């Protein structure tokens, strides 16, 4: 049986880098669209290169920390 059960925001953090030579073009596009523009990955895939996907969110981070301390989750 588990010692702890996690509930809450079980999000993911997805980390991208900007492709070489695309920095200025991306910056111009962001300035044109504004700070609060909602976009999808497909909107920016020509500028971005996937690097890493990791667990995120408060519940996920707490459970991972507890697990590393030897508790059953």
Protein backbone atom coordinates (compact mmCIF):
# COMPACT_ATOMS: atom_id res chain seq x y z
CA UNK A 1 0.00 0.00 0.00
CA UNK A 2 1.15 3.54 -0.74
CA UNK A 3 2.29 5.90 2.00
CA UNK A 4 1.30 8.93 -0.08
CA UNK A 5 -1.11 9.59 -2.96
CA UNK A 6 -0.59 12.69 -5.09
CA UNK A 7 -3.47 14.90 -6.07
CA UNK A 8 -3.35 18.28 -7.71
CA UNK A 9 -1.78 19.81 -10.78
CA UNK A 10 0.08 16.99 -12.53
CA UNK A 11 1.59 19.07 -15.35
CA UNK A 12 4.51 18.59 -17.67
CA UNK A 13 7.27 21.04 -18.47
CA UNK A 14 8.36 20.93 -22.10
CA UNK A 15 11.68 22.62 -22.86
CA UNK A 16 12.59 23.93 -26.32
CA UNK A 17 15.54 25.83 -27.71
CA UNK A 18 15.36 28.32 -30.57
CA UNK A 19 16.81 26.96 -33.79
CA UNK A 20 20.06 28.57 -34.96
CA UNK A 21 19.47 31.64 -37.08
CA UNK A 22 15.80 31.93 -36.11
CA UNK A 23 16.19 34.21 -33.07
CA UNK A 24 15.57 37.57 -34.79
CA UNK A 25 12.71 36.24 -36.92
CA UNK A 26 11.00 34.73 -33.87
CA UNK A 27 11.45 37.92 -31.83
CA UNK A 28 9.88 40.01 -34.61
CA UNK A 29 6.92 37.63 -34.83
CA UNK A 30 6.35 37.67 -31.06
CA UNK A 31 6.48 41.48 -30.97
CA UNK A 32 3.99 41.67 -33.85
CA UNK A 33 1.53 39.21 -32.24
CA UNK A 34 1.78 40.67 -28.76
CA UNK A 35 2.54 39.24 -25.30
CA UNK A 36 -0.82 37.58 -24.77
CA UNK A 37 -1.05 35.75 -28.07
CA UNK A 38 -2.26 32.15 -27.71
CA UNK A 39 -0.49 29.77 -30.04
CA UNK A 40 0.11 26.07 -30.59
CA UNK A 41 3.35 24.23 -31.19
CA UNK A 42 2.49 24.05 -34.89
CA UNK A 43 2.47 27.87 -35.01
CA UNK A 44 6.11 28.00 -33.90
CA UNK A 45 7.59 24.62 -34.90
CA UNK A 46 9.77 26.24 -37.58
CA UNK A 47 11.55 28.19 -34.83
CA UNK A 48 11.79 25.64 -32.02
CA UNK A 49 13.72 22.45 -31.36
CA UNK A 50 12.44 20.02 -28.73
CA UNK A 51 14.93 19.32 -25.93
CA UNK A 52 13.28 17.75 -22.90
CA UNK A 53 9.97 16.76 -21.31
CA UNK A 54 9.86 16.53 -17.51
CA UNK A 55 7.23 16.14 -14.82
CA UNK A 56 6.04 19.43 -13.44
CA UNK A 57 3.30 20.96 -11.36
CA UNK A 58 3.16 21.12 -7.59
CA UNK A 59 1.70 17.64 -7.02
CA UNK A 60 4.13 15.94 -9.41
CA UNK A 61 7.14 17.70 -7.90
CA UNK A 62 6.05 16.83 -4.36
CA UNK A 63 5.48 13.14 -5.16
CA UNK A 64 8.86 12.85 -6.91
CA UNK A 65 10.60 14.41 -3.91
CA UNK A 66 8.78 12.15 -1.46
CA UNK A 67 9.58 9.08 -3.59
CA UNK A 68 13.29 9.93 -3.64
CA UNK A 69 13.17 9.99 0.17
CA UNK A 70 12.01 6.36 0.23
CA UNK A 71 8.24 6.66 0.68
CA UNK A 72 5.89 4.47 -1.37
CA UNK A 73 3.78 6.53 -3.73
